[in-house]
Amino acid sequence: MNTWIAIGLTVVGCYAVKLAGLLVPAAALERPFVRRLAALLPVALLAALTAQQTFADGHALVLDARVAGLGAAAVALVLRAPFLLVVAVAVAVTAGVRAVGG
């Protein structure tokens, strides 16, 4: 398949999904189940992405400096640190563990 055909199909697909979202009646979006799902789904997807990026390398399970950084970020979150500080702590711990040889 030509690359431009794939790009065109992707554009059409994205537009169709966006149009489908606009065509959903407002009453359907006000249901309690839909509101709960809309609140919880992004959190679950972000947690899954974080776990996959932290603990996996290809098809292998890895425990390296990224795990230490994630742990440090979790501790900073429990201590109610601001978001930028949480990121800075995670980066510093990950870099420190890598520098030491992890």
PDB file of N, CA and C in Angstrom:
ATOM      1  N   MET A   1       0.844  -1.172   0.000  1.00  0.00           N
ATOM      2  CA  MET A   1       0.000   0.000   0.000  1.00  0.00           C
ATOM      3  C   MET A   1       0.890   1.236   0.000  1.00  0.00           C
ATOM      4  N   ASN A   2       0.487   2.179  -0.757  1.00  0.00           N
ATOM      5  CA  ASN A   2       1.210   3.435  -0.859  1.00  0.00           C
ATOM      6  C   ASN A   2       1.087   4.212   0.457  1.00  0.00           C
ATOM      7  N   THR A   3       2.134   4.897   0.843  1.00  0.00           N
ATOM      8  CA  THR A   3       2.131   5.666   2.084  1.00  0.00           C
ATOM      9  C   THR A   3       1.072   6.758   2.065  1.00  0.00           C
ATOM     10  N   TRP A   4       0.890   7.395   0.911  1.00  0.00           N
ATOM     11  CA  TRP A   4      -0.099   8.467   0.831  1.00  0.00           C
ATOM     12  C   TRP A   4      -1.522   7.943   0.964  1.00  0.00           C
ATOM     13  N   ILE A   5      -1.758   6.733   0.515  1.00  0.00           N
ATOM     14  CA  ILE A   5      -3.089   6.132   0.704  1.00  0.00           C
ATOM     15  C   ILE A   5      -3.327   5.901   2.188  1.00  0.00           C
ATOM     16  N   ALA A   6      -2.321   5.400   2.884  1.00  0.00           N
ATOM     17  CA  ALA A   6      -2.446   5.180   4.327  1.00  0.00           C
ATOM     18  C   ALA A   6      -2.681   6.496   5.063  1.00  0.00           C
ATOM     19  N   ILE A   7      -1.971   7.544   4.669  1.00  0.00           N
ATOM     20  CA  ILE A   7      -2.164   8.855   5.295  1.00  0.00           C
ATOM     21  C   ILE A   7      -3.572   9.370   5.016  1.00  0.00           C
ATOM     22  N   GLY A   8      -4.030   9.233   3.789  1.00  0.00           N
ATOM     23  CA  GLY A   8      -5.386   9.664   3.440  1.00  0.00           C
ATOM     24  C   GLY A   8      -6.450   8.913   4.221  1.00  0.00           C
ATOM     25  N   LEU A   9      -6.291   7.599   4.350  1.00  0.00           N
ATOM     26  CA  LEU A   9      -7.248   6.807   5.127  1.00  0.00           C
ATOM     27  C   LEU A   9      -7.233   7.207   6.600  1.00  0.00           C
ATOM     28  N   THR A  10      -6.072   7.522   7.113  1.00  0.00           N
ATOM     29  CA  THR A  10      -5.976   7.971   8.503  1.00  0.00           C
ATOM     30  C   THR A  10      -6.684   9.303   8.692  1.00  0.00           C
ATOM     31  N   VAL A  11      -6.508  10.217   7.750  1.00  0.00           N
ATOM     32  CA  VAL A  11      -7.177  11.519   7.820  1.00  0.00           C
ATOM     33  C   VAL A  11      -8.690  11.337   7.798  1.00  0.00           C
ATOM     34  N   VAL A  12      -9.179  10.518   6.881  1.00  0.00           N
ATOM     35  CA  VAL A  12     -10.622  10.272   6.784  1.00  0.00           C
ATOM     36  C   VAL A  12     -11.136   9.617   8.062  1.00  0.00           C
ATOM     37  N   GLY A  13     -10.388   8.663   8.591  1.00  0.00           N
ATOM     38  CA  GLY A  13     -10.795   7.992   9.827  1.00  0.00           C
ATOM     39  C   GLY A  13     -10.860   8.944  11.007  1.00  0.00           C
ATOM     40  N   CYS A  14      -9.854   9.809  11.140  1.00  0.00           N
ATOM     41  CA  CYS A  14      -9.851  10.782  12.237  1.00  0.00           C
ATOM     42  C   CYS A  14     -11.021  11.753  12.115  1.00  0.00           C
ATOM     43  N   TYR A  15     -11.282  12.203  10.903  1.00  0.00           N
ATOM     44  CA  TYR A  15     -12.403  13.113  10.692  1.00  0.00           C
ATOM     45  C   TYR A  15     -13.725  12.415  11.015  1.00  0.00           C
ATOM     46  N   ALA A  16     -13.858  11.160  10.626  1.00  0.00           N
ATOM     47  CA  ALA A  16     -15.093  10.416  10.898  1.00  0.00           C
ATOM     48  C   ALA A  16     -15.313  10.239  12.396  1.00  0.00           C
ATOM     49  N   VAL A  17     -14.258   9.959  13.140  1.00  0.00           N
ATOM     50  CA  VAL A  17     -14.390   9.814  14.593  1.00  0.00           C
ATOM     51  C   VAL A  17     -14.785  11.146  15.224  1.00  0.00           C
ATOM     52  N   LYS A  18     -14.168  12.226  14.773  1.00  0.00           N
ATOM     53  CA  LYS A  18     -14.512  13.548  15.304  1.00  0.00           C
ATOM     54  C   LYS A  18     -15.964  13.906  14.975  1.00  0.00           C
ATOM     55  N   LEU A  19     -16.395  13.634  13.763  1.00  0.00           N
ATOM     56  CA  LEU A  19     -17.773  13.901  13.365  1.00  0.00           C
ATOM     57  C   LEU A  19     -18.747  13.049  14.171  1.00  0.00           C
ATOM     58  N   ALA A  20     -18.406  11.789  14.395  1.00  0.00           N
ATOM     59  CA  ALA A  20     -19.272  10.917  15.196  1.00  0.00           C
ATOM     60  C   ALA A  20     -19.414  11.462  16.613  1.00  0.00           C
ATOM     61  N   GLY A  21     -18.333  12.005  17.167  1.00  0.00           N
ATOM     62  CA  GLY A  21     -18.404  12.593  18.501  1.00  0.00           C
ATOM     63  C   GLY A  21     -19.306  13.815  18.549  1.00  0.00           C
ATOM     64  N   LEU A  22     -19.305  14.591  17.490  1.00  0.00           N
ATOM     65  CA  LEU A  22     -20.164  15.775  17.445  1.00  0.00           C
ATOM     66  C   LEU A  22     -21.630  15.420  17.251  1.00  0.00           C
ATOM     67  N   LEU A  23     -21.899  14.264  16.658  1.00  0.00           N
ATOM     68  CA  LEU A  23     -23.275  13.859  16.386  1.00  0.00           C
ATOM     69  C   LEU A  23     -23.944  13.157  17.567  1.00  0.00           C
ATOM     70  N   VAL A  24     -23.186  12.865  18.624  1.00  0.00           N
ATOM     71  CA  VAL A  24     -23.766  12.214  19.801  1.00  0.00           C
ATOM     72  C   VAL A  24     -24.692  13.213  20.488  1.00  0.00           C
ATOM     73  N   PRO A  25     -25.924  12.798  20.792  1.00  0.00           N
ATOM     74  CA  PRO A  25     -26.854  13.720  21.457  1.00  0.00           C
ATOM     75  C   PRO A  25     -26.356  14.107  22.853  1.00  0.00           C
ATOM     76  N   ALA A  26     -26.650  15.328  23.260  1.00  0.00           N
ATOM     77  CA  ALA A  26     -26.207  15.816  24.568  1.00  0.00           C
ATOM     78  C   ALA A  26     -26.779  14.973  25.700  1.00  0.00           C
ATOM     79  N   ALA A  27     -27.984  14.451  25.519  1.00  0.00           N
ATOM     80  CA  ALA A  27     -28.600  13.633  26.569  1.00  0.00           C
ATOM     81  C   ALA A  27     -27.781  12.377  26.845  1.00  0.00           C
ATOM     82  N   ALA A  28     -27.153  11.827  25.823  1.00  0.00           N
ATOM     83  CA  ALA A  28     -26.334  10.628  26.016  1.00  0.00           C
ATOM     84  C   ALA A  28     -25.080  10.947  26.821  1.00  0.00           C
ATOM     85  N   LEU A  29     -24.571  12.158  26.688  1.00  0.00           N
ATOM     86  CA  LEU A  29     -23.357  12.540  27.407  1.00  0.00           C
ATOM     87  C   LEU A  29     -23.617  12.904  28.859  1.00  0.00           C
ATOM     88  N   GLU A  30     -24.871  13.170  29.206  1.00  0.00           N
ATOM     89  CA  GLU A  30     -25.212  13.567  30.568  1.00  0.00           C
ATOM     90  C   GLU A  30     -25.513  12.382  31.478  1.00  0.00           C
ATOM     91  N   ARG A  31     -25.505  11.180  30.950  1.00  0.00           N
ATOM     92  CA  ARG A  31     -25.777  10.001  31.772  1.00  0.00           C
ATOM     93  C   ARG A  31     -24.655   9.811  32.790  1.00  0.00           C
ATOM     94  N   PRO A  32     -24.991   9.366  34.011  1.00  0.00           N
ATOM     95  CA  PRO A  32     -23.960   9.175  35.048  1.00  0.00           C
ATOM     96  C   PRO A  32     -22.877   8.169  34.638  1.00  0.00           C
ATOM     97  N   PHE A  33     -23.263   7.105  33.945  1.00  0.00           N
ATOM     98  CA  PHE A  33     -22.276   6.105  33.524  1.00  0.00           C
ATOM     99  C   PHE A  33     -21.256   6.706  32.567  1.00  0.00           C
ATOM    100  N   VAL A  34     -21.729   7.507  31.625  1.00  0.00           N
ATOM    101  CA  VAL A  34     -20.835   8.123  30.645  1.00  0.00           C
ATOM    102  C   VAL A  34     -19.915   9.125  31.334  1.00  0.00           C
ATOM    103  N   ARG A  35     -20.436   9.861  32.298  1.00  0.00           N
ATOM    104  CA  ARG A  35     -19.605  10.826  33.029  1.00  0.00           C
ATOM    105  C   ARG A  35     -18.513  10.118  33.835  1.00  0.00           C
ATOM    106  N   ARG A  36     -18.890   9.011  34.511  1.00  0.00           N
ATOM    107  CA  ARG A  36     -17.884   8.251  35.269  1.00  0.00           C
ATOM    108  C   ARG A  36     -16.830   7.668  34.346  1.00  0.00           C
ATOM    109  N   LEU A  37     -17.282   7.135  33.212  1.00  0.00           N
ATOM    110  CA  LEU A  37     -16.353   6.552  32.247  1.00  0.00           C
ATOM    111  C   LEU A  37     -15.407   7.619  31.698  1.00  0.00           C
ATOM    112  N   ALA A  38     -15.940   8.784  31.395  1.00  0.00           N
ATOM    113  CA  ALA A  38     -15.107   9.869  30.866  1.00  0.00           C
ATOM    114  C   ALA A  38     -14.112  10.372  31.912  1.00  0.00           C
ATOM    115  N   ALA A  39     -14.453  10.246  33.183  1.00  0.00           N
ATOM    116  CA  ALA A  39     -13.540  10.684  34.237  1.00  0.00           C
ATOM    117  C   ALA A  39     -12.452   9.650  34.513  1.00  0.00           C
ATOM    118  N   LEU A  40     -12.787   8.364  34.410  1.00  0.00           N
ATOM    119  CA  LEU A  40     -11.845   7.311  34.794  1.00  0.00           C
ATOM    120  C   LEU A  40     -11.005   6.774  33.645  1.00  0.00           C
ATOM    121  N   LEU A  41     -11.510   6.819  32.440  1.00  0.00           N
ATOM    122  CA  LEU A  41     -10.798   6.227  31.306  1.00  0.00           C
ATOM    123  C   LEU A  41      -9.440   6.885  31.032  1.00  0.00           C
ATOM    124  N   PRO A  42      -9.324   8.205  31.033  1.00  0.00           N
ATOM    125  CA  PRO A  42      -7.994   8.792  30.805  1.00  0.00           C
ATOM    126  C   PRO A  42      -6.974   8.396  31.872  1.00  0.00           C
ATOM    127  N   VAL A  43      -7.420   8.283  33.118  1.00  0.00           N
ATOM    128  CA  VAL A  43      -6.514   7.882  34.199  1.00  0.00           C
ATOM    129  C   VAL A  43      -6.022   6.458  33.974  1.00  0.00           C
ATOM    130  N   ALA A  44      -6.927   5.565  33.605  1.00  0.00           N
ATOM    131  CA  ALA A  44      -6.540   4.175  33.360  1.00  0.00           C
ATOM    132  C   ALA A  44      -5.596   4.060  32.168  1.00  0.00           C
ATOM    133  N   LEU A  45      -5.870   4.796  31.112  1.00  0.00           N
ATOM    134  CA  LEU A  45      -4.992   4.752  29.939  1.00  0.00           C
ATOM    135  C   LEU A  45      -3.611   5.317  30.249  1.00  0.00           C
ATOM    136  N   LEU A  46      -3.549   6.405  31.004  1.00  0.00           N
ATOM    137  CA  LEU A  46      -2.258   6.979  31.371  1.00  0.00           C
ATOM    138  C   LEU A  46      -1.479   6.044  32.294  1.00  0.00           C
ATOM    139  N   ALA A  47      -2.172   5.388  33.228  1.00  0.00           N
ATOM    140  CA  ALA A  47      -1.501   4.429  34.112  1.00  0.00           C
ATOM    141  C   ALA A  47      -0.952   3.248  33.322  1.00  0.00           C
ATOM    142  N   ALA A  48      -1.718   2.760  32.363  1.00  0.00           N
ATOM    143  CA  ALA A  48      -1.245   1.642  31.536  1.00  0.00           C
ATOM    144  C   ALA A  48      -0.046   2.053  30.693  1.00  0.00           C
ATOM    145  N   LEU A  49      -0.088   3.236  30.125  1.00  0.00           N
ATOM    146  CA  LEU A  49       1.038   3.723  29.328  1.00  0.00           C
ATOM    147  C   LEU A  49       2.280   3.906  30.188  1.00  0.00           C
ATOM    148  N   THR A  50       2.108   4.457  31.390  1.00  0.00           N
ATOM    149  CA  THR A  50       3.235   4.639  32.302  1.00  0.00           C
ATOM    150  C   THR A  50       3.844   3.299  32.689  1.00  0.00           C
ATOM    151  N   ALA A  51       3.008   2.325  33.015  1.00  0.00           N
ATOM    152  CA  ALA A  51       3.513   1.000  33.388  1.00  0.00           C
ATOM    153  C   ALA A  51       4.245   0.347  32.226  1.00  0.00           C
ATOM    154  N   GLN A  52       3.697   0.453  31.039  1.00  0.00           N
ATOM    155  CA  GLN A  52       4.332  -0.173  29.875  1.00  0.00           C
ATOM    156  C   GLN A  52       5.667   0.489  29.565  1.00  0.00           C
ATOM    157  N   GLN A  53       5.726   1.805  29.643  1.00  0.00           N
ATOM    158  CA  GLN A  53       6.968   2.510  29.332  1.00  0.00           C
ATOM    159  C   GLN A  53       8.022   2.343  30.427  1.00  0.00           C
ATOM    160  N   THR A  54       7.585   2.079  31.669  1.00  0.00           N
ATOM    161  CA  THR A  54       8.521   1.959  32.781  1.00  0.00           C
ATOM    162  C   THR A  54       9.076   0.552  32.919  1.00  0.00           C
ATOM    163  N   PHE A  55       8.222  -0.453  32.792  1.00  0.00           N
ATOM    164  CA  PHE A  55       8.622  -1.820  33.120  1.00  0.00           C
ATOM    165  C   PHE A  55       8.890  -2.708  31.917  1.00  0.00           C
ATOM    166  N   ALA A  56       8.772  -2.195  30.704  1.00  0.00           N
ATOM    167  CA  ALA A  56       8.936  -3.050  29.528  1.00  0.00           C
ATOM    168  C   ALA A  56       9.999  -2.495  28.595  1.00  0.00           C
ATOM    169  N   ASP A  57      10.706  -3.427  27.975  1.00  0.00           N
ATOM    170  CA  ASP A  57      11.652  -3.093  26.913  1.00  0.00           C
ATOM    171  C   ASP A  57      11.465  -4.157  25.846  1.00  0.00           C
ATOM    172  N   GLY A  58      10.674  -3.837  24.842  1.00  0.00           N
ATOM    173  CA  GLY A  58      10.307  -4.856  23.862  1.00  0.00           C
ATOM    174  C   GLY A  58       9.330  -5.829  24.503  1.00  0.00           C
ATOM    175  N   HIS A  59       9.727  -7.100  24.542  1.00  0.00           N
ATOM    176  CA  HIS A  59       8.877  -8.122  25.157  1.00  0.00           C
ATOM    177  C   HIS A  59       9.393  -8.539  26.524  1.00  0.00           C
ATOM    178  N   ALA A  60      10.391  -7.850  27.047  1.00  0.00           N
ATOM    179  CA  ALA A  60      11.017  -8.245  28.309  1.00  0.00           C
ATOM    180  C   ALA A  60      10.605  -7.296  29.437  1.00  0.00           C
ATOM    181  N   LEU A  61      10.509  -7.864  30.628  1.00  0.00           N
ATOM    182  CA  LEU A  61      10.256  -7.081  31.832  1.00  0.00           C
ATOM    183  C   LEU A  61      11.600  -6.571  32.348  1.00  0.00           C
ATOM    184  N   VAL A  62      11.704  -5.271  32.584  1.00  0.00           N
ATOM    185  CA  VAL A  62      12.968  -4.691  33.036  1.00  0.00           C
ATOM    186  C   VAL A  62      12.750  -3.865  34.294  1.00  0.00           C
ATOM    187  N   LEU A  63      13.714  -3.950  35.181  1.00  0.00           N
ATOM    188  CA  LEU A  63      13.726  -3.112  36.374  1.00  0.00           C
ATOM    189  C   LEU A  63      15.028  -2.322  36.325  1.00  0.00           C
ATOM    190  N   ASP A  64      14.941  -1.082  35.892  1.00  0.00           N
ATOM    191  CA  ASP A  64      16.139  -0.259  35.753  1.00  0.00           C
ATOM    192  C   ASP A  64      15.913   1.094  36.416  1.00  0.00           C
ATOM    193  N   ALA A  65      16.643   2.091  35.986  1.00  0.00           N
ATOM    194  CA  ALA A  65      16.582   3.417  36.600  1.00  0.00           C
ATOM    195  C   ALA A  65      15.196   4.050  36.483  1.00  0.00           C
ATOM    196  N   ARG A  66      14.450   3.673  35.464  1.00  0.00           N
ATOM    197  CA  ARG A  66      13.105   4.249  35.299  1.00  0.00           C
ATOM    198  C   ARG A  66      12.199   3.899  36.476  1.00  0.00           C
ATOM    199  N   VAL A  67      12.380   2.695  37.025  1.00  0.00           N
ATOM    200  CA  VAL A  67      11.562   2.268  38.163  1.00  0.00           C
ATOM    201  C   VAL A  67      11.880   3.134  39.383  1.00  0.00           C
ATOM    202  N   ALA A  68      13.160   3.423  39.597  1.00  0.00           N
ATOM    203  CA  ALA A  68      13.543   4.296  40.710  1.00  0.00           C
ATOM    204  C   ALA A  68      12.944   5.690  40.531  1.00  0.00           C
ATOM    205  N   GLY A  69      12.970   6.203  39.318  1.00  0.00           N
ATOM    206  CA  GLY A  69      12.381   7.513  39.049  1.00  0.00           C
ATOM    207  C   GLY A  69      10.882   7.530  39.291  1.00  0.00           C
ATOM    208  N   LEU A  70      10.207   6.466  38.872  1.00  0.00           N
ATOM    209  CA  LEU A  70       8.764   6.373  39.099  1.00  0.00           C
ATOM    210  C   LEU A  70       8.461   6.292  40.592  1.00  0.00           C
ATOM    211  N   GLY A  71       9.270   5.522  41.316  1.00  0.00           N
ATOM    212  CA  GLY A  71       9.089   5.438  42.767  1.00  0.00           C
ATOM    213  C   GLY A  71       9.294   6.782  43.444  1.00  0.00           C
ATOM    214  N   ALA A  72      10.315   7.511  43.023  1.00  0.00           N
ATOM    215  CA  ALA A  72      10.568   8.836  43.590  1.00  0.00           C
ATOM    216  C   ALA A  72       9.420   9.789  43.274  1.00  0.00           C
ATOM    217  N   ALA A  73       8.887   9.705  42.070  1.00  0.00           N
ATOM    218  CA  ALA A  73       7.741  10.543  41.702  1.00  0.00           C
ATOM    219  C   ALA A  73       6.525  10.192  42.551  1.00  0.00           C
ATOM    220  N   ALA A  74       6.327   8.904  42.809  1.00  0.00           N
ATOM    221  CA  ALA A  74       5.197   8.483  43.647  1.00  0.00           C
ATOM    222  C   ALA A  74       5.335   9.041  45.061  1.00  0.00           C
ATOM    223  N   VAL A  75       6.547   8.995  45.607  1.00  0.00           N
ATOM    224  CA  VAL A  75       6.776   9.553  46.947  1.00  0.00           C
ATOM    225  C   VAL A  75       6.520  11.059  46.941  1.00  0.00           C
ATOM    226  N   ALA A  76       6.991  11.746  45.918  1.00  0.00           N
ATOM    227  CA  ALA A  76       6.763  13.191  45.830  1.00  0.00           C
ATOM    228  C   ALA A  76       5.272  13.507  45.722  1.00  0.00           C
ATOM    229  N   LEU A  77       4.533  12.673  45.007  1.00  0.00           N
ATOM    230  CA  LEU A  77       3.083  12.886  44.911  1.00  0.00           C
ATOM    231  C   LEU A  77       2.396  12.664  46.249  1.00  0.00           C
ATOM    232  N   VAL A  78       2.823  11.638  46.976  1.00  0.00           N
ATOM    233  CA  VAL A  78       2.239  11.368  48.296  1.00  0.00           C
ATOM    234  C   VAL A  78       2.511  12.543  49.237  1.00  0.00           C
ATOM    235  N   LEU A  79       3.672  13.165  49.086  1.00  0.00           N
ATOM    236  CA  LEU A  79       4.019  14.327  49.912  1.00  0.00           C
ATOM    237  C   LEU A  79       3.377  15.619  49.406  1.00  0.00           C
ATOM    238  N   ARG A  80       2.530  15.507  48.384  1.00  0.00           N
ATOM    239  CA  ARG A  80       1.759  16.623  47.822  1.00  0.00           C
ATOM    240  C   ARG A  80       2.647  17.708  47.202  1.00  0.00           C
ATOM    241  N   ALA A  81       3.719  17.297  46.548  1.00  0.00           N
ATOM    242  CA  ALA A  81       4.608  18.247  45.873  1.00  0.00           C
ATOM    243  C   ALA A  81       3.933  18.768  44.602  1.00  0.00           C
ATOM    244  N   PRO A  82       4.283  19.968  44.170  1.00  0.00           N
ATOM    245  CA  PRO A  82       3.758  20.484  42.901  1.00  0.00           C
ATOM    246  C   PRO A  82       4.220  19.612  41.730  1.00  0.00           C
ATOM    247  N   PHE A  83       3.456  19.660  40.656  1.00  0.00           N
ATOM    248  CA  PHE A  83       3.712  18.765  39.524  1.00  0.00           C
ATOM    249  C   PHE A  83       5.117  18.921  38.959  1.00  0.00           C
ATOM    250  N   LEU A  84       5.564  20.147  38.754  1.00  0.00           N
ATOM    251  CA  LEU A  84       6.905  20.355  38.191  1.00  0.00           C
ATOM    252  C   LEU A  84       7.988  19.804  39.106  1.00  0.00           C
ATOM    253  N   LEU A  85       7.788  19.892  40.409  1.00  0.00           N
ATOM    254  CA  LEU A  85       8.751  19.320  41.346  1.00  0.00           C
ATOM    255  C   LEU A  85       8.739  17.799  41.268  1.00  0.00           C
ATOM    256  N   VAL A  86       7.561  17.214  41.095  1.00  0.00           N
ATOM    257  CA  VAL A  86       7.458  15.757  40.937  1.00  0.00           C
ATOM    258  C   VAL A  86       8.255  15.311  39.717  1.00  0.00           C
ATOM    259  N   VAL A  87       8.095  16.019  38.615  1.00  0.00           N
ATOM    260  CA  VAL A  87       8.832  15.678  37.393  1.00  0.00           C
ATOM    261  C   VAL A  87      10.329  15.856  37.612  1.00  0.00           C
ATOM    262  N   ALA A  88      10.720  16.945  38.253  1.00  0.00           N
ATOM    263  CA  ALA A  88      12.143  17.198  38.501  1.00  0.00           C
ATOM    264  C   ALA A  88      12.753  16.126  39.396  1.00  0.00           C
ATOM    265  N   VAL A  89      12.031  15.708  40.417  1.00  0.00           N
ATOM    266  CA  VAL A  89      12.519  14.645  41.305  1.00  0.00           C
ATOM    267  C   VAL A  89      12.685  13.348  40.530  1.00  0.00           C
ATOM    268  N   ALA A  90      11.705  13.011  39.714  1.00  0.00           N
ATOM    269  CA  ALA A  90      11.792  11.777  38.921  1.00  0.00           C
ATOM    270  C   ALA A  90      12.981  11.815  37.971  1.00  0.00           C
ATOM    271  N   VAL A  91      13.182  12.945  37.319  1.00  0.00           N
ATOM    272  CA  VAL A  91      14.310  13.083  36.387  1.00  0.00           C
ATOM    273  C   VAL A  91      15.633  12.982  37.134  1.00  0.00           C
ATOM    274  N   ALA A  92      15.741  13.673  38.260  1.00  0.00           N
ATOM    275  CA  ALA A  92      16.992  13.668  39.020  1.00  0.00           C
ATOM    276  C   ALA A  92      17.324  12.276  39.544  1.00  0.00           C
ATOM    277  N   VAL A  93      16.336  11.582  40.082  1.00  0.00           N
ATOM    278  CA  VAL A  93      16.589  10.238  40.610  1.00  0.00           C
ATOM    279  C   VAL A  93      16.950   9.282  39.485  1.00  0.00           C
ATOM    280  N   THR A  94      16.233   9.348  38.381  1.00  0.00           N
ATOM    281  CA  THR A  94      16.550   8.471  37.245  1.00  0.00           C
ATOM    282  C   THR A  94      17.961   8.740  36.736  1.00  0.00           C
ATOM    283  N   ALA A  95      18.316  10.006  36.583  1.00  0.00           N
ATOM    284  CA  ALA A  95      19.664  10.349  36.116  1.00  0.00           C
ATOM    285  C   ALA A  95      20.717   9.913  37.123  1.00  0.00           C
ATOM    286  N   GLY A  96      20.428  10.084  38.408  1.00  0.00           N
ATOM    287  CA  GLY A  96      21.378   9.670  39.436  1.00  0.00           C
ATOM    288  C   GLY A  96      21.626   8.174  39.434  1.00  0.00           C
ATOM    289  N   VAL A  97      20.557   7.404  39.320  1.00  0.00           N
ATOM    290  CA  VAL A  97      20.708   5.941  39.283  1.00  0.00           C
ATOM    291  C   VAL A  97      21.469   5.519  38.036  1.00  0.00           C
ATOM    292  N   ARG A  98      21.185   6.150  36.915  1.00  0.00           N
ATOM    293  CA  ARG A  98      21.925   5.814  35.686  1.00  0.00           C
ATOM    294  C   ARG A  98      23.396   6.197  35.802  1.00  0.00           C
ATOM    295  N   ALA A  99      23.687   7.318  36.453  1.00  0.00           N
ATOM    296  CA  ALA A  99      25.078   7.750  36.610  1.00  0.00           C
ATOM    297  C   ALA A  99      25.858   6.812  37.523  1.00  0.00           C
ATOM    298  N   VAL A 100      25.183   6.282  38.536  1.00  0.00           N
ATOM    299  CA  VAL A 100      25.840   5.363  39.465  1.00  0.00           C
ATOM    300  C   VAL A 100      26.089   4.017  38.798  1.00  0.00           C
ATOM    301  N   GLY A 101      25.310   3.718  37.784  1.00  0.00           N
ATOM    302  CA  GLY A 101      25.559   2.481  37.043  1.00  0.00           C
ATOM    303  C   GLY A 101      24.356   1.589  36.896  1.00  0.00           C
ATOM    304  N   GLY A 102      23.159   2.122  37.133  1.00  0.00           N
ATOM    305  CA  GLY A 102      21.963   1.301  37.041  1.00  0.00           C
ATOM    306  C   GLY A 102      21.369   1.348  35.755  1.00  0.00           C
TER     307      GLY A 102
END
